[in-house]
C-alpha atoms as a PDB file:
ATOM      1  CA  MET A   1     144.234 114.727 146.296  1.00  0.00           C
ATOM      2  CA  ASN A   2     141.957 111.897 147.395  1.00  0.00           C
ATOM      3  CA  LEU A   3     143.413 108.410 147.048  1.00  0.00           C
ATOM      4  CA  GLU A   4     141.224 105.490 147.995  1.00  0.00           C
ATOM      5  CA  PRO A   5     142.645 102.876 150.409  1.00  0.00           C
ATOM      6  CA  GLY A   6     142.623 100.183 147.715  1.00  0.00           C
ATOM      7  CA  PHE A   7     144.605 102.285 145.231  1.00  0.00           C
ATOM      8  CA  ASP A   8     147.395 100.389 143.450  1.00  0.00           C
ATOM      9  CA  PRO A   9     150.690 101.158 145.284  1.00  0.00           C
ATOM     10  CA  GLU A  10     152.623 102.058 142.125  1.00  0.00           C
ATOM     11  CA  GLU A  11     149.744 104.209 140.888  1.00  0.00           C
ATOM     12  CA  ARG A  12     149.720 105.913 144.272  1.00  0.00           C
ATOM     13  CA  GLN A  13     153.430 106.698 143.900  1.00  0.00           C
ATOM     14  CA  LEU A  14     152.864 108.242 140.483  1.00  0.00           C
ATOM     15  CA  ALA A  15     149.967 110.312 141.794  1.00  0.00           C
ATOM     16  CA  ILE A  16     152.045 111.992 144.505  1.00  0.00           C
ATOM     17  CA  LEU A  17     155.360 112.173 142.648  1.00  0.00           C
ATOM     18  CA  GLY A  18     154.701 115.353 140.658  1.00  0.00           C
ATOM     19  CA  PRO A  19     153.599 117.523 143.600  1.00  0.00           C
ATOM     20  CA  LEU A  20     156.408 116.114 145.736  1.00  0.00           C
ATOM     21  CA  VAL A  21     159.045 116.845 143.100  1.00  0.00           C
ATOM     22  CA  ARG A  22     157.905 120.451 142.828  1.00  0.00           C
ATOM     23  CA  VAL A  23     158.451 120.913 146.567  1.00  0.00           C
ATOM     24  CA  ILE A  24     161.902 119.301 146.374  1.00  0.00           C
ATOM     25  CA  GLN A  25     162.835 121.516 143.419  1.00  0.00           C
ATOM     26  CA  GLU A  26     161.894 124.619 145.387  1.00  0.00           C
ATOM     27  CA  ALA A  27     163.874 123.519 148.435  1.00  0.00           C
ATOM     28  CA  ALA A  28     166.930 122.461 146.441  1.00  0.00           C
ATOM     29  CA  ALA A  29     167.014 125.640 144.328  1.00  0.00           C
ATOM     30  CA  ASP A  30     170.239 125.314 142.312  1.00  0.00           C
ATOM     31  CA  GLN A  31     171.538 122.302 144.236  1.00  0.00           C
ATOM     32  CA  PRO A  32     171.452 118.822 142.695  1.00  0.00           C
ATOM     33  CA  TRP A  33     168.766 116.280 143.506  1.00  0.00           C
ATOM     34  CA  ALA A  34     167.434 113.122 141.897  1.00  0.00           C
ATOM     35  CA  LEU A  35     164.884 110.376 142.308  1.00  0.00           C
ATOM     36  CA  THR A  36     166.806 107.144 142.813  1.00  0.00           C
ATOM     37  CA  GLY A  37     166.286 103.461 143.501  1.00  0.00           C
ATOM     38  CA  ALA A  38     163.357 101.341 142.357  1.00  0.00           C
ATOM     39  CA  ALA A  39     161.049 104.267 141.574  1.00  0.00           C
ATOM     40  CA  SER A  40     163.687 105.856 139.338  1.00  0.00           C
ATOM     41  CA  ALA A  41     164.262 102.564 137.547  1.00  0.00           C
ATOM     42  CA  ARG A  42     160.527 102.010 137.023  1.00  0.00           C
ATOM     43  CA  LEU A  43     160.131 105.444 135.426  1.00  0.00           C
ATOM     44  CA  GLN A  44     162.784 104.259 132.961  1.00  0.00           C
ATOM     45  CA  ALA A  45     160.844 101.077 132.099  1.00  0.00           C
ATOM     46  CA  VAL A  46     162.633  98.656 134.429  1.00  0.00           C
ATOM     47  CA  GLU A  47     160.325  96.140 136.065  1.00  0.00           C
ATOM     48  CA  VAL A  48     161.403  96.190 139.709  1.00  0.00           C
ATOM     49  CA  PRO A  49     159.270  96.182 142.857  1.00  0.00           C
ATOM     50  CA  GLY A  50     159.488  98.914 145.451  1.00  0.00           C
ATOM     51  CA  THR A  51     157.218 100.641 147.935  1.00  0.00           C
ATOM     52  CA  ASN A  52     159.281 103.775 148.664  1.00  0.00           C
ATOM     53  CA  LEU A  53     160.075 107.009 146.892  1.00  0.00           C
ATOM     54  CA  GLU A  54     163.751 107.780 147.476  1.00  0.00           C
ATOM     55  CA  PHE A  55     165.616 110.971 146.616  1.00  0.00           C
ATOM     56  CA  ILE A  56     169.242 112.011 146.985  1.00  0.00           C
ATOM     57  CA  THR A  57     170.398 115.605 147.331  1.00  0.00           C
ATOM     58  CA  THR A  58     172.806 117.777 149.307  1.00  0.00           C
ATOM     59  CA  GLU A  59     172.862 118.247 153.054  1.00  0.00           C
ATOM     60  CA  SER A  60     171.818 121.903 152.800  1.00  0.00           C
ATOM     61  CA  ALA A  61     168.946 121.126 150.416  1.00  0.00           C
ATOM     62  CA  LEU A  62     167.792 118.426 152.827  1.00  0.00           C
ATOM     63  CA  LEU A  63     167.692 120.921 155.696  1.00  0.00           C
ATOM     64  CA  ALA A  64     165.795 123.451 153.573  1.00  0.00           C
ATOM     65  CA  LEU A  65     163.259 120.794 152.595  1.00  0.00           C
ATOM     66  CA  GLY A  66     162.811 119.729 156.199  1.00  0.00           C
ATOM     67  CA  GLU A  67     162.135 123.325 157.198  1.00  0.00           C
ATOM     68  CA  MET A  68     159.573 123.742 154.410  1.00  0.00           C
ATOM     69  CA  LEU A  69     157.762 120.546 155.397  1.00  0.00           C
ATOM     70  CA  GLY A  70     158.103 120.952 159.146  1.00  0.00           C
ATOM     71  CA  VAL A  71     159.884 117.603 159.364  1.00  0.00           C
ATOM     72  CA  SER A  72     163.082 117.051 161.351  1.00  0.00           C
ATOM     73  CA  THR A  73     166.097 115.401 159.780  1.00  0.00           C
ATOM     74  CA  ASP A  74     167.792 112.509 161.509  1.00  0.00           C
ATOM     75  CA  TRP A  75     170.960 110.516 161.018  1.00  0.00           C
ATOM     76  CA  GLY A  76     170.423 107.004 159.774  1.00  0.00           C
ATOM     77  CA  GLN A  77     172.956 104.262 159.203  1.00  0.00           C
ATOM     78  CA  GLY A  78     171.875 100.854 158.007  1.00  0.00           C
ATOM     79  CA  ALA A  79     173.457  97.905 156.285  1.00  0.00           C
ATOM     80  CA  HIS A  80     173.707  99.717 152.942  1.00  0.00           C
ATOM     81  CA  LEU A  81     173.342 103.460 153.550  1.00  0.00           C
ATOM     82  CA  ALA A  82     174.535 106.220 155.864  1.00  0.00           C
ATOM     83  CA  ALA A  83     173.101 109.734 155.622  1.00  0.00           C
ATOM     84  CA  ASN A  84     171.145 112.497 157.230  1.00  0.00           C
ATOM     85  CA  ARG A  85     167.619 111.924 156.038  1.00  0.00           C
ATOM     86  CA  LEU A  86     164.006 112.966 156.015  1.00  0.00           C
ATOM     87  CA  HIS A  87     161.380 110.265 156.328  1.00  0.00           C
ATOM     88  CA  PHE A  88     157.686 111.046 155.972  1.00  0.00           C
ATOM     89  CA  MET A  89     154.505 109.597 154.487  1.00  0.00           C
ATOM     90  CA  ARG A  90     152.420 110.994 151.635  1.00  0.00           C
ATOM     91  CA  HIS A  91     149.090 109.230 151.101  1.00  0.00           C
ATOM     92  CA  SER A  92     150.516 106.033 152.616  1.00  0.00           C
ATOM     93  CA  VAL A  93     153.648 106.167 150.428  1.00  0.00           C
ATOM     94  CA  PRO A  94     156.935 106.154 152.403  1.00  0.00           C
ATOM     95  CA  VAL A  95     159.223 108.963 151.219  1.00  0.00           C
ATOM     96  CA  PHE A  96     162.929 109.123 152.039  1.00  0.00           C
ATOM     97  CA  VAL A  97     165.221 112.023 151.154  1.00  0.00           C
ATOM     98  CA  PHE A  98     168.932 111.514 151.807  1.00  0.00           C
ATOM     99  CA  GLY A  99     171.458 114.336 152.162  1.00  0.00           C
ATOM    100  CA  ASP A 100     174.955 113.538 150.869  1.00  0.00           C
ATOM    101  CA  PRO A 101     174.476 109.780 151.344  1.00  0.00           C
ATOM    102  CA  VAL A 102     177.171 107.117 151.300  1.00  0.00           C
ATOM    103  CA  PHE A 103     176.117 103.691 150.042  1.00  0.00           C
ATOM    104  CA  HIS A 104     177.944 100.751 151.589  1.00  0.00           C
ATOM    105  CA  GLY A 105     178.386  97.391 149.901  1.00  0.00           C
ATOM    106  CA  PRO A 106     180.105  94.312 151.284  1.00  0.00           C
ATOM    107  CA  TYR A 107     183.496  95.463 149.992  1.00  0.00           C
ATOM    108  CA  GLU A 108     183.357  99.188 149.167  1.00  0.00           C
ATOM    109  CA  SER A 109     181.290 102.366 149.248  1.00  0.00           C
ATOM    110  CA  LEU A 110     179.880 104.903 146.796  1.00  0.00           C
ATOM    111  CA  ALA A 111     179.246 108.581 147.575  1.00  0.00           C
ATOM    112  CA  PRO A 112     177.052 110.192 144.881  1.00  0.00           C
ATOM    113  CA  ARG A 113     178.316 113.724 145.558  1.00  0.00           C
ATOM    114  CA  GLU A 114     181.829 112.566 144.624  1.00  0.00           C
ATOM    115  CA  VAL A 115     180.655 111.345 141.201  1.00  0.00           C
ATOM    116  CA  PRO A 116     180.086 114.424 138.988  1.00  0.00           C
ATOM    117  CA  SER A 117     179.049 112.373 135.962  1.00  0.00           C
ATOM    118  CA  LEU A 118     176.060 111.031 137.873  1.00  0.00           C
ATOM    119  CA  TRP A 119     174.566 114.497 138.219  1.00  0.00           C
ATOM    120  CA  ASP A 120     175.436 115.509 134.662  1.00  0.00           C
ATOM    121  CA  ALA A 121     173.693 112.379 133.339  1.00  0.00           C
ATOM    122  CA  ARG A 122     170.413 112.649 135.228  1.00  0.00           C
ATOM    123  CA  VAL A 123     167.463 111.658 133.051  1.00  0.00           C
ATOM    124  CA  LYS A 124     164.387 113.873 132.978  1.00  0.00           C
ATOM    125  CA  VAL A 125     161.259 111.723 132.773  1.00  0.00           C
ATOM    126  CA  ASP A 126     157.800 113.199 132.395  1.00  0.00           C
ATOM    127  CA  CYS A 127     155.404 112.105 135.125  1.00  0.00           C
ATOM    128  CA  ARG A 128     151.954 113.525 134.484  1.00  0.00           C
ATOM    129  CA  GLY A 129     153.251 116.894 133.405  1.00  0.00           C
ATOM    130  CA  THR A 130     156.156 117.187 135.838  1.00  0.00           C
ATOM    131  CA  GLY A 131     159.759 116.594 134.801  1.00  0.00           C
ATOM    132  CA  VAL A 132     161.321 114.191 137.289  1.00  0.00           C
ATOM    133  CA  LEU A 133     165.128 114.052 137.385  1.00  0.00           C
ATOM    134  CA  CYS A 134     166.134 110.403 137.766  1.00  0.00           C
ATOM    135  CA  THR A 135     169.464 108.735 138.336  1.00  0.00           C
ATOM    136  CA  PRO A 136     170.500 107.081 135.044  1.00  0.00           C
ATOM    137  CA  LEU A 137     170.293 103.326 134.702  1.00  0.00           C
ATOM    138  CA  GLU A 138     174.059 103.214 134.290  1.00  0.00           C
ATOM    139  CA  TRP A 139     174.347 104.496 137.876  1.00  0.00           C
ATOM    140  CA  GLU A 140     171.678 102.123 139.154  1.00  0.00           C
ATOM    141  CA  LEU A 141     173.638  99.236 137.639  1.00  0.00           C
ATOM    142  CA  VAL A 142     176.959 100.267 139.192  1.00  0.00           C
ATOM    143  CA  LEU A 143     175.314 100.881 142.562  1.00  0.00           C
ATOM    144  CA  GLY A 144     173.481  97.562 142.383  1.00  0.00           C
ATOM    145  CA  VAL A 145     176.727  95.703 141.769  1.00  0.00           C
ATOM    146  CA  VAL A 146     178.430  97.503 144.670  1.00  0.00           C
ATOM    147  CA  LEU A 147     175.528  96.615 146.979  1.00  0.00           C
ATOM    148  CA  GLY A 148     175.284  93.039 145.728  1.00  0.00           C
ATOM    149  CA  ALA A 149     171.624  93.573 144.756  1.00  0.00           C
ATOM    150  CA  THR A 150     171.468  90.754 142.222  1.00  0.00           C
ATOM    151  CA  ASN A 151     167.788  90.992 141.292  1.00  0.00           C
ATOM    152  CA  ARG A 152     167.994  94.752 140.759  1.00  0.00           C
ATOM    153  CA  VAL A 153     171.157  94.353 138.701  1.00  0.00           C
ATOM    154  CA  ASP A 154     169.535  91.724 136.491  1.00  0.00           C
ATOM    155  CA  ALA A 155     166.463  93.861 135.813  1.00  0.00           C
ATOM    156  CA  VAL A 156     168.400  97.074 135.142  1.00  0.00           C
ATOM    157  CA  ALA A 157     170.962  95.339 132.936  1.00  0.00           C
ATOM    158  CA  GLN A 158     168.241  93.698 130.871  1.00  0.00           C
ATOM    159  CA  ARG A 159     166.631  97.050 130.168  1.00  0.00           C
ATOM    160  CA  MET A 160     169.993  98.585 129.270  1.00  0.00           C
ATOM    161  CA  LEU A 161     170.751  95.733 126.897  1.00  0.00           C
ATOM    162  CA  ASP A 162     167.310  96.007 125.298  1.00  0.00           C
ATOM    163  CA  ALA A 163     167.238  99.797 124.950  1.00  0.00           C
ATOM    164  CA  GLY A 164     170.939 100.612 124.665  1.00  0.00           C
ATOM    165  CA  TYR A 165     173.238 102.335 127.124  1.00  0.00           C
ATOM    166  CA  ASP A 166     176.086 104.845 127.314  1.00  0.00           C
ATOM    167  CA  SER A 167     179.294 102.864 127.742  1.00  0.00           C
ATOM    168  CA  ARG A 168     181.318 106.061 128.177  1.00  0.00           C
ATOM    169  CA  LEU A 169     179.086 107.044 131.081  1.00  0.00           C
ATOM    170  CA  VAL A 170     179.658 103.637 132.667  1.00  0.00           C
ATOM    171  CA  VAL A 171     183.414 104.215 132.379  1.00  0.00           C
ATOM    172  CA  ARG A 172     183.157 107.650 134.007  1.00  0.00           C
ATOM    173  CA  LEU A 173     180.955 106.413 136.841  1.00  0.00           C
ATOM    174  CA  LEU A 174     183.356 103.578 137.609  1.00  0.00           C
ATOM    175  CA  ARG A 175     186.382 105.873 137.498  1.00  0.00           C
ATOM    176  CA  GLU A 176     184.874 108.722 139.527  1.00  0.00           C
ATOM    177  CA  GLY A 177     183.384 106.281 142.026  1.00  0.00           C
ATOM    178  CA  ARG A 178     186.852 104.778 142.482  1.00  0.00           C
ATOM    179  CA  VAL A 179     185.443 101.272 142.631  1.00  0.00           C
ATOM    180  CA  ALA A 180     187.627  98.216 143.041  1.00  0.00           C
ATOM    181  CA  ARG A 181     188.769  96.266 140.027  1.00  0.00           C
ATOM    182  CA  HIS A 182     186.527  93.295 140.807  1.00  0.00           C
ATOM    183  CA  THR A 183     183.491  95.622 140.868  1.00  0.00           C
ATOM    184  CA  GLU A 184     184.461  97.139 137.535  1.00  0.00           C
ATOM    185  CA  GLU A 185     184.869  93.677 136.046  1.00  0.00           C
ATOM    186  CA  ALA A 186     181.497  92.584 137.435  1.00  0.00           C
ATOM    187  CA  VAL A 187     179.732  95.583 135.867  1.00  0.00           C
ATOM    188  CA  TRP A 188     181.202  94.888 132.441  1.00  0.00           C
ATOM    189  CA  ALA A 189     180.531  91.169 132.758  1.00  0.00           C
ATOM    190  CA  VAL A 190     176.828  91.879 133.204  1.00  0.00           C
ATOM    191  CA  LEU A 191     176.753  94.090 130.111  1.00  0.00           C
ATOM    192  CA  GLU A 192     179.085  92.158 127.838  1.00  0.00           C
ATOM    193  CA  HIS A 193     178.282  88.613 128.962  1.00  0.00           C
ATOM    194  CA  PRO A 194     174.620  88.643 130.054  1.00  0.00           C
ATOM    195  CA  GLU A 195     174.665  84.942 130.851  1.00  0.00           C
ATOM    196  CA  THR A 196     176.839  85.785 133.898  1.00  0.00           C
ATOM    197  CA  LYS A 197     174.552  88.455 135.315  1.00  0.00           C
ATOM    198  CA  SER A 198     172.899  86.309 137.964  1.00  0.00           C
ATOM    199  CA  ARG A 199     176.295  85.711 139.556  1.00  0.00           C
ATOM    200  CA  VAL A 200     177.416  89.331 140.031  1.00  0.00           C
ATOM    201  CA  ALA A 201     177.056  89.175 143.811  1.00  0.00           C
ATOM    202  CA  ASP A 202     179.096  85.990 144.191  1.00  0.00           C
END
């Protein structure tokens, strides 16, 4: 693969995504994994910026992937995320793979492995002949509200309202994620009263 330096960043992501996913599939075997974050949302027609490719999987799949790639895992804890992770570059695209991550918002946390409905509802999106398993937009919305990511929430919610969404999945994600009542109310406010969406992080 030969990508010129001036290649469009999003086009560059798409160019490397298929080969990268095939490696992750092999490492994960029968363990769950998914593309998440901005790249996942963009594959589902949400207009959000983002320079990284981010995946979530299990701790053991992460270690297997690191061994295959010859990359060491390290523990990372930032303002919004704590996990063992792999971080490497592919054709100038930053790639992050998180093993059993916990996402931290201002008031509460979400652990994807503790939310079975997330994995059952993964969306397979074709990317140049490769099926990419993506976190559903319903999850991206709930996570965005927990993190207080207002711009991401607005963009994801707009796409869900335009294209339709699974309200039962939203209910399951909220219940299994054990979110606080104010988070649950904020999620439904965005979907049922779109005029309030820009205030979800208040």
